[in-house]
C-alpha atoms as a PDB file:
ATOM      1  CA  UNK A   1     -56.393 100.780 -22.621  1.00  0.00           C
ATOM      2  CA  UNK A   2     -57.156  97.356 -21.121  1.00  0.00           C
ATOM      3  CA  UNK A   3     -54.373  97.768 -18.537  1.00  0.00           C
ATOM      4  CA  UNK A   4     -55.732 101.167 -17.496  1.00  0.00           C
ATOM      5  CA  UNK A   5     -59.234  99.736 -17.128  1.00  0.00           C
ATOM      6  CA  UNK A   6     -57.976  96.839 -14.979  1.00  0.00           C
ATOM      7  CA  UNK A   7     -55.952  99.266 -12.836  1.00  0.00           C
ATOM      8  CA  UNK A   8     -59.047 101.438 -12.414  1.00  0.00           C
ATOM      9  CA  UNK A   9     -61.194  98.468 -11.340  1.00  0.00           C
ATOM     10  CA  UNK A  10     -58.550  97.284  -8.859  1.00  0.00           C
ATOM     11  CA  UNK A  11     -58.307 100.768  -7.341  1.00  0.00           C
ATOM     12  CA  UNK A  12     -62.079 100.965  -6.932  1.00  0.00           C
ATOM     13  CA  UNK A  13     -62.270  97.554  -5.253  1.00  0.00           C
ATOM     14  CA  UNK A  14     -59.345  98.289  -2.919  1.00  0.00           C
ATOM     15  CA  UNK A  15     -60.682 101.710  -1.926  1.00  0.00           C
ATOM     16  CA  UNK A  16     -64.198 100.353  -1.414  1.00  0.00           C
ATOM     17  CA  UNK A  17     -62.899  97.515   0.767  1.00  0.00           C
ATOM     18  CA  UNK A  18     -60.769  99.879   2.862  1.00  0.00           C
ATOM     19  CA  UNK A  19     -63.669 102.312   3.259  1.00  0.00           C
ATOM     20  CA  UNK A  20     -66.089  99.604   4.387  1.00  0.00           C
ATOM     21  CA  UNK A  21     -63.562  98.465   6.985  1.00  0.00           C
ATOM     22  CA  UNK A  22     -62.915 102.063   8.060  1.00  0.00           C
ATOM     23  CA  UNK A  23     -66.642 102.764   8.434  1.00  0.00           C
ATOM     24  CA  UNK A  24     -67.126  99.637  10.540  1.00  0.00           C
ATOM     25  CA  UNK A  25     -64.273 100.514  12.859  1.00  0.00           C
ATOM     26  CA  UNK A  26     -65.204 104.187  13.008  1.00  0.00           C
ATOM     27  CA  UNK A  27     -68.379 103.107  14.813  1.00  0.00           C
ATOM     28  CA  UNK A  28     -66.194 101.020  17.155  1.00  0.00           C
ATOM     29  CA  UNK A  29     -63.877 104.001  17.677  1.00  0.00           C
ATOM     30  CA  UNK A  30     -66.826 106.287  18.467  1.00  0.00           C
ATOM     31  CA  UNK A  31     -68.127 103.936  21.136  1.00  0.00           C
ATOM     32  CA  UNK A  32     -64.659 103.464  22.645  1.00  0.00           C
ATOM     33  CA  UNK A  33     -64.008 107.224  22.759  1.00  0.00           C
ATOM     34  CA  UNK A  34     -67.471 107.751  24.255  1.00  0.00           C
ATOM     35  CA  UNK A  35     -66.589 105.165  26.894  1.00  0.00           C
ATOM     36  CA  UNK A  36     -63.310 106.914  27.749  1.00  0.00           C
ATOM     37  CA  UNK A  37     -64.969 110.321  27.962  1.00  0.00           C
ATOM     38  CA  UNK A  38     -67.768 108.953  30.154  1.00  0.00           C
ATOM     39  CA  UNK A  39     -65.352 106.933  32.309  1.00  0.00           C
ATOM     40  CA  UNK A  40     -66.510 103.475  31.210  1.00  0.00           C
ATOM     41  CA  UNK A  41     -65.115 100.712  29.016  1.00  0.00           C
ATOM     42  CA  UNK A  42     -67.137 100.738  25.786  1.00  0.00           C
ATOM     43  CA  UNK A  43     -67.327  97.549  23.647  1.00  0.00           C
ATOM     44  CA  UNK A  44     -65.116  94.859  25.224  1.00  0.00           C
ATOM     45  CA  UNK A  45     -66.902  91.506  24.908  1.00  0.00           C
ATOM     46  CA  UNK A  46     -66.889  90.423  21.254  1.00  0.00           C
ATOM     47  CA  UNK A  47     -63.330  89.536  20.282  1.00  0.00           C
ATOM     48  CA  UNK A  48     -60.122  90.784  21.938  1.00  0.00           C
ATOM     49  CA  UNK A  49     -60.808  94.265  23.279  1.00  0.00           C
ATOM     50  CA  UNK A  50     -64.171  94.253  21.516  1.00  0.00           C
ATOM     51  CA  UNK A  51     -62.527  94.405  18.069  1.00  0.00           C
ATOM     52  CA  UNK A  52     -65.128  92.092  16.514  1.00  0.00           C
ATOM     53  CA  UNK A  53     -68.042  94.254  17.682  1.00  0.00           C
ATOM     54  CA  UNK A  54     -68.495  95.881  14.222  1.00  0.00           C
ATOM     55  CA  UNK A  55     -68.845  92.403  12.677  1.00  0.00           C
ATOM     56  CA  UNK A  56     -71.469  91.464  15.258  1.00  0.00           C
ATOM     57  CA  UNK A  57     -73.346  94.720  14.599  1.00  0.00           C
ATOM     58  CA  UNK A  58     -73.275  94.099  10.845  1.00  0.00           C
ATOM     59  CA  UNK A  59     -74.685  90.577  11.262  1.00  0.00           C
ATOM     60  CA  UNK A  60     -77.376  91.944  13.559  1.00  0.00           C
ATOM     61  CA  UNK A  61     -78.482  94.468  10.916  1.00  0.00           C
ATOM     62  CA  UNK A  62     -78.547  91.780   8.218  1.00  0.00           C
ATOM     63  CA  UNK A  63     -80.715  89.339  10.149  1.00  0.00           C
ATOM     64  CA  UNK A  64     -83.130  91.716  11.869  1.00  0.00           C
ATOM     65  CA  UNK A  65     -86.681  91.897  10.527  1.00  0.00           C
ATOM     66  CA  UNK A  66     -87.173  94.576   7.883  1.00  0.00           C
ATOM     67  CA  UNK A  67     -90.349  96.414   8.884  1.00  0.00           C
ATOM     68  CA  UNK A  68     -92.162  98.790   6.495  1.00  0.00           C
ATOM     69  CA  UNK A  69     -95.019 100.897   7.951  1.00  0.00           C
ATOM     70  CA  UNK A  70     -98.421 100.153   6.444  1.00  0.00           C
ATOM     71  CA  UNK A  71     -99.040 103.757   5.373  1.00  0.00           C
ATOM     72  CA  UNK A  72     -95.542 104.356   3.998  1.00  0.00           C
ATOM     73  CA  UNK A  73     -94.720 104.881   0.329  1.00  0.00           C
ATOM     74  CA  UNK A  74     -92.962 101.547  -0.132  1.00  0.00           C
ATOM     75  CA  UNK A  75     -90.897 102.479  -3.207  1.00  0.00           C
ATOM     76  CA  UNK A  76     -89.516 105.751  -1.840  1.00  0.00           C
ATOM     77  CA  UNK A  77     -89.122 104.246   1.626  1.00  0.00           C
ATOM     78  CA  UNK A  78     -86.803 101.584   0.165  1.00  0.00           C
ATOM     79  CA  UNK A  79     -85.042 103.997  -2.199  1.00  0.00           C
ATOM     80  CA  UNK A  80     -84.197 106.706   0.358  1.00  0.00           C
ATOM     81  CA  UNK A  81     -81.337 104.863   2.169  1.00  0.00           C
ATOM     82  CA  UNK A  82     -79.646 104.157  -1.183  1.00  0.00           C
ATOM     83  CA  UNK A  83     -79.980 107.798  -2.253  1.00  0.00           C
ATOM     84  CA  UNK A  84     -78.222 108.749   0.972  1.00  0.00           C
ATOM     85  CA  UNK A  85     -75.491 106.093   0.838  1.00  0.00           C
ATOM     86  CA  UNK A  86     -74.469 106.043  -2.844  1.00  0.00           C
ATOM     87  CA  UNK A  87     -73.392 109.735  -3.157  1.00  0.00           C
ATOM     88  CA  UNK A  88     -71.374 109.381   0.056  1.00  0.00           C
ATOM     89  CA  UNK A  89     -69.422 106.451  -1.424  1.00  0.00           C
ATOM     90  CA  UNK A  90     -68.980 107.965  -4.920  1.00  0.00           C
ATOM     91  CA  UNK A  91     -67.132 110.986  -3.553  1.00  0.00           C
ATOM     92  CA  UNK A  92     -63.928 109.038  -2.946  1.00  0.00           C
ATOM     93  CA  UNK A  93     -63.091 108.394  -6.591  1.00  0.00           C
ATOM     94  CA  UNK A  94     -61.603 111.899  -6.982  1.00  0.00           C
ATOM     95  CA  UNK A  95     -59.852 112.280  -3.616  1.00  0.00           C
ATOM     96  CA  UNK A  96     -56.059 111.860  -3.992  1.00  0.00           C
ATOM     97  CA  UNK A  97     -54.715 109.759  -1.117  1.00  0.00           C
ATOM     98  CA  UNK A  98     -51.069 109.699  -2.139  1.00  0.00           C
ATOM     99  CA  UNK A  99     -48.514 110.641  -4.769  1.00  0.00           C
ATOM    100  CA  UNK A 100     -47.353 108.386  -7.597  1.00  0.00           C
ATOM    101  CA  UNK A 101     -45.657 105.137  -6.592  1.00  0.00           C
ATOM    102  CA  UNK A 102     -43.886 102.441  -8.595  1.00  0.00           C
ATOM    103  CA  UNK A 103     -45.228  98.912  -8.215  1.00  0.00           C
ATOM    104  CA  UNK A 104     -44.057  95.942 -10.304  1.00  0.00           C
ATOM    105  CA  UNK A 105     -42.311  98.341 -12.674  1.00  0.00           C
ATOM    106  CA  UNK A 106     -45.497 100.344 -13.261  1.00  0.00           C
ATOM    107  CA  UNK A 107     -46.104 103.922 -12.074  1.00  0.00           C
ATOM    108  CA  UNK A 108     -49.451 104.148 -10.281  1.00  0.00           C
ATOM    109  CA  UNK A 109     -51.190 107.402  -9.345  1.00  0.00           C
ATOM    110  CA  UNK A 110     -52.816 107.023  -5.933  1.00  0.00           C
ATOM    111  CA  UNK A 111     -56.284 108.222  -6.858  1.00  0.00           C
ATOM    112  CA  UNK A 112     -59.060 106.423  -8.717  1.00  0.00           C
ATOM    113  CA  UNK A 113     -59.694 109.153 -11.277  1.00  0.00           C
ATOM    114  CA  UNK A 114     -58.893 112.796 -11.838  1.00  0.00           C
ATOM    115  CA  UNK A 115     -60.558 115.651 -13.679  1.00  0.00           C
ATOM    116  CA  UNK A 116     -60.329 119.434 -13.748  1.00  0.00           C
ATOM    117  CA  UNK A 117     -63.466 120.100 -11.679  1.00  0.00           C
ATOM    118  CA  UNK A 118     -62.987 117.409  -9.037  1.00  0.00           C
ATOM    119  CA  UNK A 119     -63.869 119.775  -6.190  1.00  0.00           C
ATOM    120  CA  UNK A 120     -67.175 120.699  -7.847  1.00  0.00           C
ATOM    121  CA  UNK A 121     -67.902 116.979  -8.192  1.00  0.00           C
ATOM    122  CA  UNK A 122     -67.357 116.511  -4.442  1.00  0.00           C
ATOM    123  CA  UNK A 123     -69.609 119.450  -3.559  1.00  0.00           C
ATOM    124  CA  UNK A 124     -72.332 118.278  -5.948  1.00  0.00           C
ATOM    125  CA  UNK A 125     -72.410 114.764  -4.467  1.00  0.00           C
ATOM    126  CA  UNK A 126     -72.355 116.154  -0.929  1.00  0.00           C
ATOM    127  CA  UNK A 127     -75.511 118.101  -1.777  1.00  0.00           C
ATOM    128  CA  UNK A 128     -77.369 115.040  -3.073  1.00  0.00           C
ATOM    129  CA  UNK A 129     -77.490 113.250   0.267  1.00  0.00           C
ATOM    130  CA  UNK A 130     -80.219 115.534   1.580  1.00  0.00           C
ATOM    131  CA  UNK A 131     -82.613 114.124  -1.031  1.00  0.00           C
ATOM    132  CA  UNK A 132     -82.343 110.712   0.600  1.00  0.00           C
ATOM    133  CA  UNK A 133     -83.077 112.251   3.999  1.00  0.00           C
ATOM    134  CA  UNK A 134     -86.033 114.257   2.667  1.00  0.00           C
ATOM    135  CA  UNK A 135     -87.526 111.203   0.958  1.00  0.00           C
ATOM    136  CA  UNK A 136     -87.014 109.075   4.064  1.00  0.00           C
ATOM    137  CA  UNK A 137     -88.841 111.599   6.215  1.00  0.00           C
ATOM    138  CA  UNK A 138     -91.748 112.048   3.815  1.00  0.00           C
ATOM    139  CA  UNK A 139     -92.202 108.434   2.713  1.00  0.00           C
ATOM    140  CA  UNK A 140     -92.272 107.102   6.306  1.00  0.00           C
ATOM    141  CA  UNK A 141     -95.625 108.855   6.942  1.00  0.00           C
ATOM    142  CA  UNK A 142     -94.417 109.696  10.445  1.00  0.00           C
ATOM    143  CA  UNK A 143     -94.541 113.188  11.923  1.00  0.00           C
ATOM    144  CA  UNK A 144     -91.202 112.825  13.701  1.00  0.00           C
ATOM    145  CA  UNK A 145     -89.503 111.617  10.506  1.00  0.00           C
ATOM    146  CA  UNK A 146     -90.994 114.476   8.495  1.00  0.00           C
ATOM    147  CA  UNK A 147     -89.865 117.103  11.010  1.00  0.00           C
ATOM    148  CA  UNK A 148     -86.352 115.621  10.974  1.00  0.00           C
ATOM    149  CA  UNK A 149     -86.268 115.693   7.162  1.00  0.00           C
ATOM    150  CA  UNK A 150     -87.431 119.335   7.074  1.00  0.00           C
ATOM    151  CA  UNK A 151     -84.806 120.277   9.633  1.00  0.00           C
ATOM    152  CA  UNK A 152     -82.096 118.564   7.614  1.00  0.00           C
ATOM    153  CA  UNK A 153     -83.123 120.351   4.403  1.00  0.00           C
ATOM    154  CA  UNK A 154     -83.113 123.748   6.085  1.00  0.00           C
ATOM    155  CA  UNK A 155     -79.791 122.994   7.766  1.00  0.00           C
ATOM    156  CA  UNK A 156     -78.207 121.895   4.480  1.00  0.00           C
ATOM    157  CA  UNK A 157     -79.265 125.106   2.718  1.00  0.00           C
ATOM    158  CA  UNK A 158     -78.068 127.275   5.604  1.00  0.00           C
ATOM    159  CA  UNK A 159     -74.591 125.799   5.964  1.00  0.00           C
ATOM    160  CA  UNK A 160     -73.825 124.873   2.372  1.00  0.00           C
ATOM    161  CA  UNK A 161     -73.320 128.554   1.516  1.00  0.00           C
ATOM    162  CA  UNK A 162     -70.723 129.038   4.239  1.00  0.00           C
ATOM    163  CA  UNK A 163     -69.017 125.750   3.351  1.00  0.00           C
ATOM    164  CA  UNK A 164     -68.775 126.668  -0.343  1.00  0.00           C
ATOM    165  CA  UNK A 165     -67.431 130.136   0.389  1.00  0.00           C
ATOM    166  CA  UNK A 166     -64.868 128.797   2.876  1.00  0.00           C
ATOM    167  CA  UNK A 167     -63.314 126.848  -0.021  1.00  0.00           C
ATOM    168  CA  UNK A 168     -63.063 129.892  -2.320  1.00  0.00           C
ATOM    169  CA  UNK A 169     -59.974 131.130  -0.484  1.00  0.00           C
ATOM    170  CA  UNK A 170     -58.224 127.819  -1.241  1.00  0.00           C
ATOM    171  CA  UNK A 171     -59.204 128.138  -4.904  1.00  0.00           C
ATOM    172  CA  UNK A 172     -57.767 131.662  -5.046  1.00  0.00           C
ATOM    173  CA  UNK A 173     -54.462 130.373  -3.672  1.00  0.00           C
ATOM    174  CA  UNK A 174     -54.191 127.254  -5.827  1.00  0.00           C
ATOM    175  CA  UNK A 175     -55.916 128.579  -8.974  1.00  0.00           C
ATOM    176  CA  UNK A 176     -57.532 125.206  -9.720  1.00  0.00           C
ATOM    177  CA  UNK A 177     -60.548 123.008  -8.971  1.00  0.00           C
ATOM    178  CA  UNK A 178     -58.429 119.883  -9.532  1.00  0.00           C
ATOM    179  CA  UNK A 179     -57.803 118.270  -6.129  1.00  0.00           C
ATOM    180  CA  UNK A 180     -54.403 116.931  -7.203  1.00  0.00           C
ATOM    181  CA  UNK A 181     -53.260 120.415  -8.240  1.00  0.00           C
ATOM    182  CA  UNK A 182     -54.569 121.841  -4.960  1.00  0.00           C
ATOM    183  CA  UNK A 183     -52.408 119.330  -3.074  1.00  0.00           C
ATOM    184  CA  UNK A 184     -49.368 119.991  -5.279  1.00  0.00           C
ATOM    185  CA  UNK A 185     -49.732 123.743  -4.658  1.00  0.00           C
ATOM    186  CA  UNK A 186     -49.098 123.011  -0.965  1.00  0.00           C
ATOM    187  CA  UNK A 187     -45.844 121.157  -1.603  1.00  0.00           C
ATOM    188  CA  UNK A 188     -43.409 123.982  -0.778  1.00  0.00           C
ATOM    189  CA  UNK A 189     -41.488 124.507   2.466  1.00  0.00           C
ATOM    190  CA  UNK A 190     -40.421 120.825   2.396  1.00  0.00           C
ATOM    191  CA  UNK A 191     -44.032 119.701   2.125  1.00  0.00           C
ATOM    192  CA  UNK A 192     -45.363 122.002   4.871  1.00  0.00           C
ATOM    193  CA  UNK A 193     -46.737 124.893   2.815  1.00  0.00           C
ATOM    194  CA  UNK A 194     -50.243 123.960   3.885  1.00  0.00           C
ATOM    195  CA  UNK A 195     -53.119 126.335   3.277  1.00  0.00           C
ATOM    196  CA  UNK A 196     -54.100 126.260   6.945  1.00  0.00           C
ATOM    197  CA  UNK A 197     -50.720 127.861   7.757  1.00  0.00           C
ATOM    198  CA  UNK A 198     -50.921 130.219   4.790  1.00  0.00           C
ATOM    199  CA  UNK A 199     -53.828 132.706   4.994  1.00  0.00           C
ATOM    200  CA  UNK A 200     -56.529 130.031   5.490  1.00  0.00           C
ATOM    201  CA  UNK A 201     -56.821 129.230   9.249  1.00  0.00           C
ATOM    202  CA  UNK A 202     -60.214 130.971   9.422  1.00  0.00           C
ATOM    203  CA  UNK A 203     -61.269 129.289   6.188  1.00  0.00           C
ATOM    204  CA  UNK A 204     -60.570 125.909   7.780  1.00  0.00           C
ATOM    205  CA  UNK A 205     -62.510 126.759  10.947  1.00  0.00           C
ATOM    206  CA  UNK A 206     -65.528 127.853   8.878  1.00  0.00           C
ATOM    207  CA  UNK A 207     -65.237 124.739   6.701  1.00  0.00           C
ATOM    208  CA  UNK A 208     -64.998 122.406   9.684  1.00  0.00           C
ATOM    209  CA  UNK A 209     -67.999 123.904  11.509  1.00  0.00           C
ATOM    210  CA  UNK A 210     -70.038 123.796   8.291  1.00  0.00           C
ATOM    211  CA  UNK A 211     -68.968 120.187   7.693  1.00  0.00           C
ATOM    212  CA  UNK A 212     -70.211 119.267  11.173  1.00  0.00           C
ATOM    213  CA  UNK A 213     -73.578 120.772  10.263  1.00  0.00           C
ATOM    214  CA  UNK A 214     -73.651 119.148   6.809  1.00  0.00           C
ATOM    215  CA  UNK A 215     -73.024 115.705   8.308  1.00  0.00           C
ATOM    216  CA  UNK A 216     -75.700 116.223  11.022  1.00  0.00           C
ATOM    217  CA  UNK A 217     -73.162 115.704  13.794  1.00  0.00           C
ATOM    218  CA  UNK A 218     -73.350 117.045  17.338  1.00  0.00           C
ATOM    219  CA  UNK A 219     -73.879 119.902  18.103  1.00  0.00           C
ATOM    220  CA  UNK A 220     -75.835 120.116  14.824  1.00  0.00           C
ATOM    221  CA  UNK A 221     -77.748 116.823  15.040  1.00  0.00           C
ATOM    222  CA  UNK A 222     -81.186 118.480  15.081  1.00  0.00           C
ATOM    223  CA  UNK A 223     -82.510 116.230  12.236  1.00  0.00           C
ATOM    224  CA  UNK A 224     -82.148 113.215  14.563  1.00  0.00           C
ATOM    225  CA  UNK A 225     -82.438 114.812  18.022  1.00  0.00           C
ATOM    226  CA  UNK A 226     -83.355 111.644  19.932  1.00  0.00           C
ATOM    227  CA  UNK A 227     -84.737 113.593  22.915  1.00  0.00           C
ATOM    228  CA  UNK A 228     -87.219 115.420  20.661  1.00  0.00           C
ATOM    229  CA  UNK A 229     -87.803 113.345  17.513  1.00  0.00           C
ATOM    230  CA  UNK A 230     -87.171 109.731  18.627  1.00  0.00           C
ATOM    231  CA  UNK A 231     -84.600 109.211  15.815  1.00  0.00           C
ATOM    232  CA  UNK A 232     -85.662 111.858  13.310  1.00  0.00           C
ATOM    233  CA  UNK A 233     -85.773 110.897   9.658  1.00  0.00           C
ATOM    234  CA  UNK A 234     -84.896 107.233  10.267  1.00  0.00           C
ATOM    235  CA  UNK A 235     -87.385 106.613  13.097  1.00  0.00           C
ATOM    236  CA  UNK A 236     -89.338 104.018  11.074  1.00  0.00           C
ATOM    237  CA  UNK A 237     -86.295 102.229   9.596  1.00  0.00           C
ATOM    238  CA  UNK A 238     -84.903  98.891  10.706  1.00  0.00           C
ATOM    239  CA  UNK A 239     -82.599  96.114   9.502  1.00  0.00           C
ATOM    240  CA  UNK A 240     -80.133  96.949   6.698  1.00  0.00           C
ATOM    241  CA  UNK A 241     -82.048 100.090   5.672  1.00  0.00           C
ATOM    242  CA  UNK A 242     -81.200 101.535   9.072  1.00  0.00           C
ATOM    243  CA  UNK A 243     -77.674 100.177   8.662  1.00  0.00           C
ATOM    244  CA  UNK A 244     -77.313 102.012   5.329  1.00  0.00           C
ATOM    245  CA  UNK A 245     -78.237 105.319   6.972  1.00  0.00           C
ATOM    246  CA  UNK A 246     -75.688 104.760   9.727  1.00  0.00           C
ATOM    247  CA  UNK A 247     -73.025 103.726   7.199  1.00  0.00           C
ATOM    248  CA  UNK A 248     -73.698 106.829   5.097  1.00  0.00           C
ATOM    249  CA  UNK A 249     -73.262 109.062   8.146  1.00  0.00           C
ATOM    250  CA  UNK A 250     -69.874 107.486   8.872  1.00  0.00           C
ATOM    251  CA  UNK A 251     -68.894 107.734   5.190  1.00  0.00           C
ATOM    252  CA  UNK A 252     -69.738 111.442   5.277  1.00  0.00           C
ATOM    253  CA  UNK A 253     -67.502 111.964   8.310  1.00  0.00           C
ATOM    254  CA  UNK A 254     -64.574 110.303   6.514  1.00  0.00           C
ATOM    255  CA  UNK A 255     -65.333 112.260   3.322  1.00  0.00           C
ATOM    256  CA  UNK A 256     -65.418 115.593   5.172  1.00  0.00           C
ATOM    257  CA  UNK A 257     -62.148 114.782   6.936  1.00  0.00           C
ATOM    258  CA  UNK A 258     -60.511 113.701   3.658  1.00  0.00           C
ATOM    259  CA  UNK A 259     -61.603 116.880   1.856  1.00  0.00           C
ATOM    260  CA  UNK A 260     -60.446 119.047   4.791  1.00  0.00           C
ATOM    261  CA  UNK A 261     -57.055 117.299   4.806  1.00  0.00           C
ATOM    262  CA  UNK A 262     -56.762 117.782   1.034  1.00  0.00           C
ATOM    263  CA  UNK A 263     -57.758 121.451   0.931  1.00  0.00           C
ATOM    264  CA  UNK A 264     -56.192 122.809   4.116  1.00  0.00           C
ATOM    265  CA  UNK A 265     -53.545 120.373   5.403  1.00  0.00           C
ATOM    266  CA  UNK A 266     -51.630 119.561   2.243  1.00  0.00           C
ATOM    267  CA  UNK A 267     -53.352 116.244   1.521  1.00  0.00           C
ATOM    268  CA  UNK A 268     -50.560 113.697   1.140  1.00  0.00           C
ATOM    269  CA  UNK A 269     -47.813 116.339   1.297  1.00  0.00           C
ATOM    270  CA  UNK A 270     -45.214 116.210   4.066  1.00  0.00           C
ATOM    271  CA  UNK A 271     -41.462 116.061   4.690  1.00  0.00           C
ATOM    272  CA  UNK A 272     -39.700 113.306   2.756  1.00  0.00           C
ATOM    273  CA  UNK A 273     -42.491 112.542   0.281  1.00  0.00           C
ATOM    274  CA  UNK A 274     -40.249 113.341  -2.688  1.00  0.00           C
ATOM    275  CA  UNK A 275     -37.695 110.762  -1.523  1.00  0.00           C
ATOM    276  CA  UNK A 276     -40.091 108.138  -0.163  1.00  0.00           C
ATOM    277  CA  UNK A 277     -43.394 108.271  -2.109  1.00  0.00           C
ATOM    278  CA  UNK A 278     -45.042 105.657   0.146  1.00  0.00           C
ATOM    279  CA  UNK A 279     -44.852 108.203   2.973  1.00  0.00           C
ATOM    280  CA  UNK A 280     -47.572 110.161   1.178  1.00  0.00           C
ATOM    281  CA  UNK A 281     -50.191 107.524   2.085  1.00  0.00           C
ATOM    282  CA  UNK A 282     -49.086 107.605   5.729  1.00  0.00           C
ATOM    283  CA  UNK A 283     -49.344 111.403   5.872  1.00  0.00           C
ATOM    284  CA  UNK A 284     -52.797 111.423   4.296  1.00  0.00           C
ATOM    285  CA  UNK A 285     -54.182 108.678   6.551  1.00  0.00           C
ATOM    286  CA  UNK A 286     -52.698 110.321   9.662  1.00  0.00           C
ATOM    287  CA  UNK A 287     -54.309 113.669   8.843  1.00  0.00           C
ATOM    288  CA  UNK A 288     -57.668 112.082   8.105  1.00  0.00           C
ATOM    289  CA  UNK A 289     -57.528 110.045  11.325  1.00  0.00           C
ATOM    290  CA  UNK A 290     -56.812 113.131  13.431  1.00  0.00           C
ATOM    291  CA  UNK A 291     -59.700 115.056  11.858  1.00  0.00           C
ATOM    292  CA  UNK A 292     -62.064 112.087  12.294  1.00  0.00           C
ATOM    293  CA  UNK A 293     -61.013 111.882  15.952  1.00  0.00           C
ATOM    294  CA  UNK A 294     -61.911 115.558  16.385  1.00  0.00           C
ATOM    295  CA  UNK A 295     -65.349 114.842  14.869  1.00  0.00           C
ATOM    296  CA  UNK A 296     -65.827 112.055  17.419  1.00  0.00           C
ATOM    297  CA  UNK A 297     -64.443 114.098  20.303  1.00  0.00           C
ATOM    298  CA  UNK A 298     -66.831 116.964  19.604  1.00  0.00           C
ATOM    299  CA  UNK A 299     -69.808 114.579  19.472  1.00  0.00           C
ATOM    300  CA  UNK A 300     -69.336 113.538  23.090  1.00  0.00           C
ATOM    301  CA  UNK A 301     -68.228 116.922  24.409  1.00  0.00           C
ATOM    302  CA  UNK A 302     -70.677 119.592  23.223  1.00  0.00           C
ATOM    303  CA  UNK A 303     -74.424 119.907  23.859  1.00  0.00           C
ATOM    304  CA  UNK A 304     -76.956 120.179  21.024  1.00  0.00           C
ATOM    305  CA  UNK A 305     -77.909 123.650  19.749  1.00  0.00           C
ATOM    306  CA  UNK A 306     -81.453 124.943  19.857  1.00  0.00           C
ATOM    307  CA  UNK A 307     -82.805 125.286  16.340  1.00  0.00           C
ATOM    308  CA  UNK A 308     -82.859 129.095  16.390  1.00  0.00           C
ATOM    309  CA  UNK A 309     -79.236 129.071  17.576  1.00  0.00           C
ATOM    310  CA  UNK A 310     -78.289 126.762  14.711  1.00  0.00           C
ATOM    311  CA  UNK A 311     -79.868 129.067  12.126  1.00  0.00           C
ATOM    312  CA  UNK A 312     -78.384 132.190  13.718  1.00  0.00           C
ATOM    313  CA  UNK A 313     -74.876 130.711  13.658  1.00  0.00           C
ATOM    314  CA  UNK A 314     -75.182 129.750   9.990  1.00  0.00           C
ATOM    315  CA  UNK A 315     -76.677 132.951   8.581  1.00  0.00           C
ATOM    316  CA  UNK A 316     -75.441 135.701  10.924  1.00  0.00           C
ATOM    317  CA  UNK A 317     -71.945 134.489  11.765  1.00  0.00           C
ATOM    318  CA  UNK A 318     -70.510 131.811   9.453  1.00  0.00           C
ATOM    319  CA  UNK A 319     -71.777 133.264   6.160  1.00  0.00           C
ATOM    320  CA  UNK A 320     -70.460 136.829   6.802  1.00  0.00           C
ATOM    321  CA  UNK A 321     -67.196 135.334   8.149  1.00  0.00           C
ATOM    322  CA  UNK A 322     -66.796 133.238   4.982  1.00  0.00           C
ATOM    323  CA  UNK A 323     -67.348 136.305   2.767  1.00  0.00           C
ATOM    324  CA  UNK A 324     -64.782 138.282   4.774  1.00  0.00           C
ATOM    325  CA  UNK A 325     -62.322 135.391   4.441  1.00  0.00           C
ATOM    326  CA  UNK A 326     -62.688 135.477   0.641  1.00  0.00           C
ATOM    327  CA  UNK A 327     -62.074 139.253   0.591  1.00  0.00           C
ATOM    328  CA  UNK A 328     -59.073 138.904   2.907  1.00  0.00           C
ATOM    329  CA  UNK A 329     -57.545 136.062   0.861  1.00  0.00           C
ATOM    330  CA  UNK A 330     -58.013 137.916  -2.432  1.00  0.00           C
ATOM    331  CA  UNK A 331     -56.392 141.036  -0.959  1.00  0.00           C
ATOM    332  CA  UNK A 332     -53.397 139.137   0.434  1.00  0.00           C
ATOM    333  CA  UNK A 333     -52.864 137.263  -2.848  1.00  0.00           C
ATOM    334  CA  UNK A 334     -53.002 140.522  -4.805  1.00  0.00           C
ATOM    335  CA  UNK A 335     -50.483 142.233  -2.488  1.00  0.00           C
ATOM    336  CA  UNK A 336     -48.190 139.196  -2.089  1.00  0.00           C
ATOM    337  CA  UNK A 337     -48.443 137.094  -5.288  1.00  0.00           C
ATOM    338  CA  UNK A 338     -45.336 135.169  -4.228  1.00  0.00           C
ATOM    339  CA  UNK A 339     -47.435 133.277  -1.659  1.00  0.00           C
ATOM    340  CA  UNK A 340     -49.069 131.199  -4.420  1.00  0.00           C
END
């Protein structure tokens, strides 16, 4: 029991350290990609090629003055960034990032923990983040912040339905809410029996669009909308409170990409994993990186929706499409049970 507890603690610390590094360099990657798309250099002064820019940004957030508006609710104003950040970080304990490997004569499963309803756990935590945004908007006592918070709440409700239904097709195919079992169900065809190739391409498209909306990314960044709302729900924030909001947004991008890779692209499955288990980590990281790059690419390519367009897309197009995808998947699985 003691050995299992120590292993669990080590996994948590390693994953948390890797995630913090990934979040820091995701911001660097975004600015570099933005520079390439806009035909300029991006960060290139701090460190070789600008690689130390995330460290400089982190120090800047730590040492900037922390300003709290006089009319703000001080307790909720301070609590809101944590309510947004903590659920984003907690999601990763159930995401499997590799198969079992042997290290120092001990077999180690490459996930922090595992339980039968892991996917429900991920969806539940993803829904909690909006409370932090809502509290930030209300407690700031700023009209722009409040409008951004209301927009985010409405957007979350509108797209969460489509996102949840887009996953139902995967559940029909795998027959489980356990993320490890969902990955293992995609292990056929030499590790290429991915759900996105097998009945679920439309499910993935619906999931990805909904994930963009859930993470408030362009073209769904109406809660921030700098041209209209200054900075939306975090207009009044500064110092590390502002940094926590930005970190949580990057965490959510990585979480969405990790869940998409797990549900639709076979997670850590790929050719040769059975022979070389360490390959599983490489496959998982490569898939997540590609999906994160698409998130970034879209941010600097597409214009922002009008709010009525955002609502129309969610309710009139994505939701009916997600329902049709569930019906189609159920029909195909009933007619061709061998596809499971």
